[in-house]
N, C-alpha and C. Protein backbone atom coordinates (compact mmCIF):
# COMPACT_ATOMS: atom_id res chain seq x y z
N MET A 1 20.09 10.73 11.61
CA MET A 1 19.23 11.15 10.54
C MET A 1 19.06 10.00 9.55
N ALA A 2 17.83 9.72 9.16
CA ALA A 2 17.55 8.62 8.25
C ALA A 2 17.96 9.00 6.83
N LYS A 3 18.49 8.02 6.11
CA LYS A 3 18.87 8.30 4.73
C LYS A 3 17.64 8.26 3.84
N ARG A 4 17.73 8.96 2.73
CA ARG A 4 16.63 8.96 1.76
C ARG A 4 16.74 7.71 0.89
N VAL A 5 15.61 7.07 0.67
CA VAL A 5 15.57 5.87 -0.15
C VAL A 5 14.60 6.11 -1.28
N ASN A 6 15.00 5.76 -2.49
CA ASN A 6 14.13 5.89 -3.64
C ASN A 6 13.11 4.76 -3.61
N MET A 7 11.92 5.06 -3.12
CA MET A 7 10.90 4.04 -2.96
C MET A 7 10.40 3.50 -4.29
N SER A 8 10.41 4.32 -5.35
CA SER A 8 9.91 3.85 -6.64
C SER A 8 10.79 2.75 -7.21
N ALA A 9 12.05 2.69 -6.81
CA ALA A 9 12.94 1.64 -7.29
C ALA A 9 12.50 0.27 -6.80
N ASN A 10 11.76 0.22 -5.72
CA ASN A 10 11.34 -1.06 -5.15
C ASN A 10 10.22 -1.74 -5.93
N ILE A 11 9.58 -1.04 -6.85
CA ILE A 11 8.45 -1.66 -7.54
C ILE A 11 8.72 -1.93 -9.01
N THR A 12 9.90 -1.64 -9.47
CA THR A 12 10.19 -1.87 -10.87
C THR A 12 10.77 -3.26 -11.06
N SER A 13 10.47 -3.84 -12.21
CA SER A 13 11.06 -5.13 -12.56
C SER A 13 10.97 -5.29 -14.06
N ASN A 14 11.76 -6.19 -14.60
CA ASN A 14 11.74 -6.44 -16.03
C ASN A 14 10.60 -7.35 -16.43
N ASP A 15 9.99 -8.02 -15.49
CA ASP A 15 8.91 -8.96 -15.76
C ASP A 15 7.58 -8.31 -15.39
N ASN A 16 6.87 -7.82 -16.40
CA ASN A 16 5.61 -7.12 -16.15
C ASN A 16 4.46 -8.05 -15.81
N THR A 17 4.64 -9.36 -15.95
CA THR A 17 3.55 -10.28 -15.67
C THR A 17 3.22 -10.35 -14.20
N ASN A 18 4.16 -10.02 -13.32
CA ASN A 18 3.92 -10.09 -11.89
C ASN A 18 3.71 -8.72 -11.25
N GLN A 19 3.54 -7.70 -12.05
CA GLN A 19 3.33 -6.36 -11.51
C GLN A 19 1.91 -6.26 -10.95
N PRO A 20 1.76 -5.57 -9.84
CA PRO A 20 0.43 -5.40 -9.25
C PRO A 20 -0.53 -4.69 -10.20
N VAL A 21 -1.77 -5.11 -10.14
CA VAL A 21 -2.82 -4.51 -10.95
C VAL A 21 -3.71 -3.70 -10.02
N LEU A 22 -3.75 -2.40 -10.25
CA LEU A 22 -4.56 -1.52 -9.42
C LEU A 22 -5.89 -1.29 -10.14
N GLN A 23 -6.83 -2.17 -9.88
CA GLN A 23 -8.16 -2.06 -10.49
C GLN A 23 -9.16 -2.79 -9.62
N GLY A 24 -10.39 -2.78 -10.01
CA GLY A 24 -11.44 -3.43 -9.24
C GLY A 24 -12.26 -2.40 -8.47
N VAL A 25 -13.40 -2.83 -8.00
CA VAL A 25 -14.34 -1.94 -7.32
C VAL A 25 -13.72 -1.35 -6.05
N SER A 26 -13.09 -2.21 -5.23
CA SER A 26 -12.52 -1.71 -3.98
C SER A 26 -11.44 -0.66 -4.23
N PHE A 27 -10.59 -0.91 -5.22
CA PHE A 27 -9.54 0.07 -5.53
C PHE A 27 -10.15 1.36 -6.08
N MET A 28 -11.10 1.26 -6.98
CA MET A 28 -11.70 2.45 -7.58
C MET A 28 -12.42 3.30 -6.52
N ASN A 29 -13.12 2.66 -5.61
CA ASN A 29 -13.76 3.41 -4.52
C ASN A 29 -12.72 4.13 -3.68
N PHE A 30 -11.63 3.44 -3.40
CA PHE A 30 -10.55 4.00 -2.60
C PHE A 30 -9.89 5.19 -3.30
N ILE A 31 -9.44 4.99 -4.51
CA ILE A 31 -8.64 6.02 -5.19
C ILE A 31 -9.50 7.20 -5.63
N ASN A 32 -10.75 6.96 -5.96
CA ASN A 32 -11.63 8.06 -6.38
C ASN A 32 -12.07 8.93 -5.22
N ALA A 33 -11.88 8.46 -3.99
CA ALA A 33 -12.19 9.27 -2.81
C ALA A 33 -11.09 10.27 -2.51
N VAL A 34 -9.95 10.10 -3.17
CA VAL A 34 -8.81 11.00 -2.97
C VAL A 34 -8.88 12.11 -4.01
N LYS A 35 -8.80 13.35 -3.55
CA LYS A 35 -8.97 14.49 -4.45
C LYS A 35 -7.67 14.95 -5.11
N ALA A 36 -6.61 15.08 -4.34
CA ALA A 36 -5.37 15.66 -4.85
C ALA A 36 -4.61 14.66 -5.73
N PRO A 37 -4.23 15.07 -6.95
CA PRO A 37 -3.49 14.19 -7.85
C PRO A 37 -2.18 13.67 -7.26
N ALA A 38 -1.46 14.50 -6.54
CA ALA A 38 -0.19 14.06 -5.95
C ALA A 38 -0.43 13.00 -4.88
N THR A 39 -1.49 13.16 -4.10
CA THR A 39 -1.82 12.16 -3.08
C THR A 39 -2.25 10.86 -3.73
N LYS A 40 -3.04 10.94 -4.80
CA LYS A 40 -3.43 9.73 -5.54
C LYS A 40 -2.20 8.97 -6.01
N ALA A 41 -1.27 9.69 -6.60
CA ALA A 41 -0.06 9.06 -7.12
C ALA A 41 0.74 8.41 -5.99
N ALA A 42 0.86 9.09 -4.86
CA ALA A 42 1.59 8.54 -3.71
C ALA A 42 0.89 7.30 -3.18
N TYR A 43 -0.44 7.33 -3.08
CA TYR A 43 -1.19 6.17 -2.59
C TYR A 43 -1.03 4.99 -3.55
N GLN A 44 -1.08 5.26 -4.85
CA GLN A 44 -0.94 4.18 -5.82
C GLN A 44 0.45 3.55 -5.74
N LEU A 45 1.48 4.36 -5.63
CA LEU A 45 2.84 3.85 -5.51
C LEU A 45 2.98 3.03 -4.24
N SER A 46 2.47 3.56 -3.15
CA SER A 46 2.53 2.87 -1.87
C SER A 46 1.82 1.52 -1.92
N LEU A 47 0.67 1.50 -2.53
CA LEU A 47 -0.11 0.27 -2.63
C LEU A 47 0.61 -0.76 -3.50
N LYS A 48 1.19 -0.33 -4.59
CA LYS A 48 1.96 -1.24 -5.45
C LYS A 48 3.13 -1.84 -4.69
N GLN A 49 3.81 -1.02 -3.91
CA GLN A 49 4.95 -1.52 -3.14
C GLN A 49 4.51 -2.56 -2.12
N TYR A 50 3.40 -2.30 -1.46
CA TYR A 50 2.90 -3.24 -0.47
C TYR A 50 2.48 -4.55 -1.14
N LEU A 51 1.78 -4.45 -2.26
CA LEU A 51 1.37 -5.66 -2.99
C LEU A 51 2.58 -6.47 -3.42
N ASN A 52 3.62 -5.79 -3.89
CA ASN A 52 4.85 -6.50 -4.26
C ASN A 52 5.44 -7.21 -3.05
N HIS A 53 5.44 -6.53 -1.92
CA HIS A 53 6.03 -7.12 -0.71
C HIS A 53 5.31 -8.39 -0.27
N ILE A 54 3.99 -8.37 -0.32
CA ILE A 54 3.23 -9.55 0.12
C ILE A 54 2.97 -10.53 -1.04
N LYS A 55 3.59 -10.23 -2.18
CA LYS A 55 3.54 -11.11 -3.35
C LYS A 55 2.11 -11.34 -3.86
N LYS A 56 1.38 -10.24 -3.93
CA LYS A 56 0.03 -10.26 -4.49
C LYS A 56 0.04 -9.41 -5.76
N THR A 57 -0.84 -9.73 -6.69
CA THR A 57 -0.86 -8.99 -7.95
C THR A 57 -2.11 -8.17 -8.16
N SER A 58 -3.07 -8.26 -7.25
CA SER A 58 -4.32 -7.54 -7.41
C SER A 58 -4.75 -6.91 -6.08
N THR A 59 -5.33 -5.73 -6.16
CA THR A 59 -5.83 -5.10 -4.95
C THR A 59 -6.97 -5.91 -4.33
N ASP A 60 -7.69 -6.64 -5.15
CA ASP A 60 -8.76 -7.49 -4.62
C ASP A 60 -8.21 -8.59 -3.72
N ASP A 61 -6.95 -8.98 -3.94
CA ASP A 61 -6.32 -9.99 -3.07
C ASP A 61 -6.20 -9.50 -1.63
N LEU A 62 -6.16 -8.19 -1.44
CA LEU A 62 -6.06 -7.64 -0.08
C LEU A 62 -7.31 -7.94 0.75
N LEU A 63 -8.42 -8.12 0.08
CA LEU A 63 -9.68 -8.36 0.78
C LEU A 63 -9.90 -9.83 1.10
N LEU A 64 -9.08 -10.71 0.55
CA LEU A 64 -9.24 -12.15 0.78
C LEU A 64 -9.01 -12.52 2.24
N ASN A 65 -8.16 -11.76 2.94
CA ASN A 65 -7.84 -12.06 4.34
C ASN A 65 -8.61 -11.17 5.32
N ALA A 66 -9.70 -10.57 4.86
CA ALA A 66 -10.45 -9.64 5.71
C ALA A 66 -10.93 -10.28 7.01
N ALA A 67 -11.16 -11.58 6.99
CA ALA A 67 -11.62 -12.28 8.19
C ALA A 67 -10.47 -12.69 9.11
N SER A 68 -9.24 -12.40 8.70
CA SER A 68 -8.05 -12.78 9.49
C SER A 68 -7.23 -11.55 9.85
N PRO A 69 -7.71 -10.73 10.78
CA PRO A 69 -6.98 -9.51 11.10
C PRO A 69 -5.56 -9.76 11.61
N ARG A 70 -5.34 -10.88 12.29
CA ARG A 70 -3.98 -11.20 12.79
C ARG A 70 -3.01 -11.41 11.62
N LEU A 71 -3.47 -12.07 10.57
CA LEU A 71 -2.63 -12.28 9.39
C LEU A 71 -2.32 -10.95 8.73
N ILE A 72 -3.32 -10.11 8.58
CA ILE A 72 -3.12 -8.79 7.98
C ILE A 72 -2.13 -7.98 8.82
N GLU A 73 -2.31 -8.01 10.13
CA GLU A 73 -1.43 -7.29 11.04
C GLU A 73 0.02 -7.79 10.91
N SER A 74 0.21 -9.09 10.83
CA SER A 74 1.56 -9.62 10.73
C SER A 74 2.19 -9.25 9.39
N GLN A 75 1.39 -9.21 8.32
CA GLN A 75 1.91 -8.80 7.01
C GLN A 75 2.34 -7.33 7.04
N ILE A 76 1.56 -6.50 7.69
CA ILE A 76 1.89 -5.07 7.77
C ILE A 76 3.14 -4.86 8.62
N ILE A 77 3.23 -5.58 9.74
CA ILE A 77 4.42 -5.46 10.59
C ILE A 77 5.66 -5.91 9.82
N ASP A 78 5.55 -7.00 9.09
CA ASP A 78 6.68 -7.48 8.29
C ASP A 78 7.08 -6.44 7.25
N TYR A 79 6.09 -5.80 6.64
CA TYR A 79 6.37 -4.76 5.64
C TYR A 79 7.07 -3.56 6.29
N ILE A 80 6.58 -3.15 7.44
CA ILE A 80 7.21 -2.03 8.16
C ILE A 80 8.67 -2.36 8.47
N MET A 81 8.91 -3.56 8.96
CA MET A 81 10.28 -3.95 9.29
C MET A 81 11.16 -4.00 8.05
N SER A 82 10.62 -4.43 6.94
CA SER A 82 11.42 -4.46 5.70
C SER A 82 11.76 -3.05 5.24
N LEU A 83 10.83 -2.11 5.43
CA LEU A 83 11.11 -0.71 5.08
C LEU A 83 12.19 -0.14 5.98
N ARG A 84 12.10 -0.44 7.27
CA ARG A 84 13.12 0.04 8.22
C ARG A 84 14.49 -0.54 7.87
N ASN A 85 14.52 -1.81 7.45
CA ASN A 85 15.79 -2.46 7.12
C ASN A 85 16.47 -1.86 5.90
N ILE A 86 15.70 -1.25 5.00
CA ILE A 86 16.32 -0.62 3.83
C ILE A 86 16.54 0.88 4.05
N GLY A 87 16.25 1.35 5.26
CA GLY A 87 16.57 2.73 5.62
C GLY A 87 15.48 3.76 5.38
N VAL A 88 14.24 3.33 5.23
CA VAL A 88 13.14 4.27 5.05
C VAL A 88 12.86 4.94 6.39
N SER A 89 12.69 6.26 6.36
CA SER A 89 12.49 7.01 7.60
C SER A 89 11.11 6.72 8.21
N TYR A 90 11.04 6.93 9.52
CA TYR A 90 9.79 6.70 10.24
C TYR A 90 8.63 7.55 9.69
N PRO A 91 8.82 8.86 9.41
CA PRO A 91 7.71 9.63 8.86
C PRO A 91 7.22 9.10 7.51
N THR A 92 8.12 8.60 6.69
CA THR A 92 7.71 8.02 5.41
C THR A 92 6.91 6.76 5.64
N ILE A 93 7.35 5.93 6.56
CA ILE A 93 6.61 4.71 6.88
C ILE A 93 5.23 5.06 7.41
N GLN A 94 5.15 6.08 8.25
CA GLN A 94 3.84 6.51 8.76
C GLN A 94 2.91 6.86 7.61
N PHE A 95 3.44 7.60 6.63
CA PHE A 95 2.62 7.97 5.48
C PHE A 95 2.22 6.74 4.69
N LEU A 96 3.19 5.88 4.40
CA LEU A 96 2.92 4.72 3.55
C LEU A 96 1.93 3.77 4.19
N ILE A 97 2.03 3.58 5.48
CA ILE A 97 1.20 2.58 6.16
C ILE A 97 -0.04 3.20 6.80
N ALA A 98 0.17 4.07 7.75
CA ALA A 98 -0.93 4.57 8.56
C ALA A 98 -1.97 5.33 7.74
N ARG A 99 -1.53 6.33 7.03
CA ARG A 99 -2.51 7.14 6.28
C ARG A 99 -3.17 6.35 5.17
N ASN A 100 -2.38 5.58 4.44
CA ASN A 100 -2.92 4.81 3.33
C ASN A 100 -3.93 3.77 3.83
N ASN A 101 -3.56 3.01 4.85
CA ASN A 101 -4.46 1.98 5.36
C ASN A 101 -5.70 2.59 6.00
N LYS A 102 -5.53 3.68 6.74
CA LYS A 102 -6.68 4.34 7.35
C LYS A 102 -7.66 4.79 6.28
N ARG A 103 -7.15 5.37 5.23
CA ARG A 103 -8.00 5.85 4.14
C ARG A 103 -8.73 4.69 3.47
N PHE A 104 -8.01 3.59 3.21
CA PHE A 104 -8.63 2.44 2.57
C PHE A 104 -9.75 1.89 3.45
N ILE A 105 -9.50 1.77 4.74
CA ILE A 105 -10.51 1.25 5.67
C ILE A 105 -11.73 2.16 5.71
N GLN A 106 -11.51 3.48 5.75
CA GLN A 106 -12.62 4.42 5.76
C GLN A 106 -13.49 4.26 4.53
N VAL A 107 -12.86 4.17 3.37
CA VAL A 107 -13.62 4.06 2.13
C VAL A 107 -14.28 2.69 2.03
N TYR A 108 -13.55 1.63 2.36
CA TYR A 108 -14.07 0.27 2.27
C TYR A 108 -15.29 0.07 3.17
N HIS A 109 -15.27 0.67 4.34
CA HIS A 109 -16.38 0.51 5.28
C HIS A 109 -17.41 1.63 5.19
N GLY A 110 -17.30 2.48 4.17
CA GLY A 110 -18.29 3.53 3.97
C GLY A 110 -18.23 4.64 4.99
N LEU A 111 -17.06 4.90 5.56
CA LEU A 111 -16.92 5.95 6.57
C LEU A 111 -16.38 7.24 5.99
N ASP A 112 -16.24 7.29 4.67
CA ASP A 112 -15.68 8.46 4.01
C ASP A 112 -16.68 9.61 4.04
N ASN A 113 -16.25 10.74 4.58
CA ASN A 113 -17.13 11.92 4.64
C ASN A 113 -16.54 13.05 3.84
């Protein structure tokens, strides 16, 4: 049985200058497509954690590598492995990665229905 890990602890720091900034057109399109407040909060937390992991401070930075799917894939795999190493359960990882990324791609490419 996987142990429970407090995921919110991974995004806190005493230095607010390097905290991810969740803003910009791409982020607003993404987050405004989500209806449920609890899901919005979970997606925002998940996105902040991922940005911290890849050492980016803006959601717009995620689009800089759009032409390099292999780089994006390797960053996501590295993130998944880091979550597994700290004891995050597989279902939680599925939520954090699969659902969040699928939703972002749908909204970014205009596939949101």
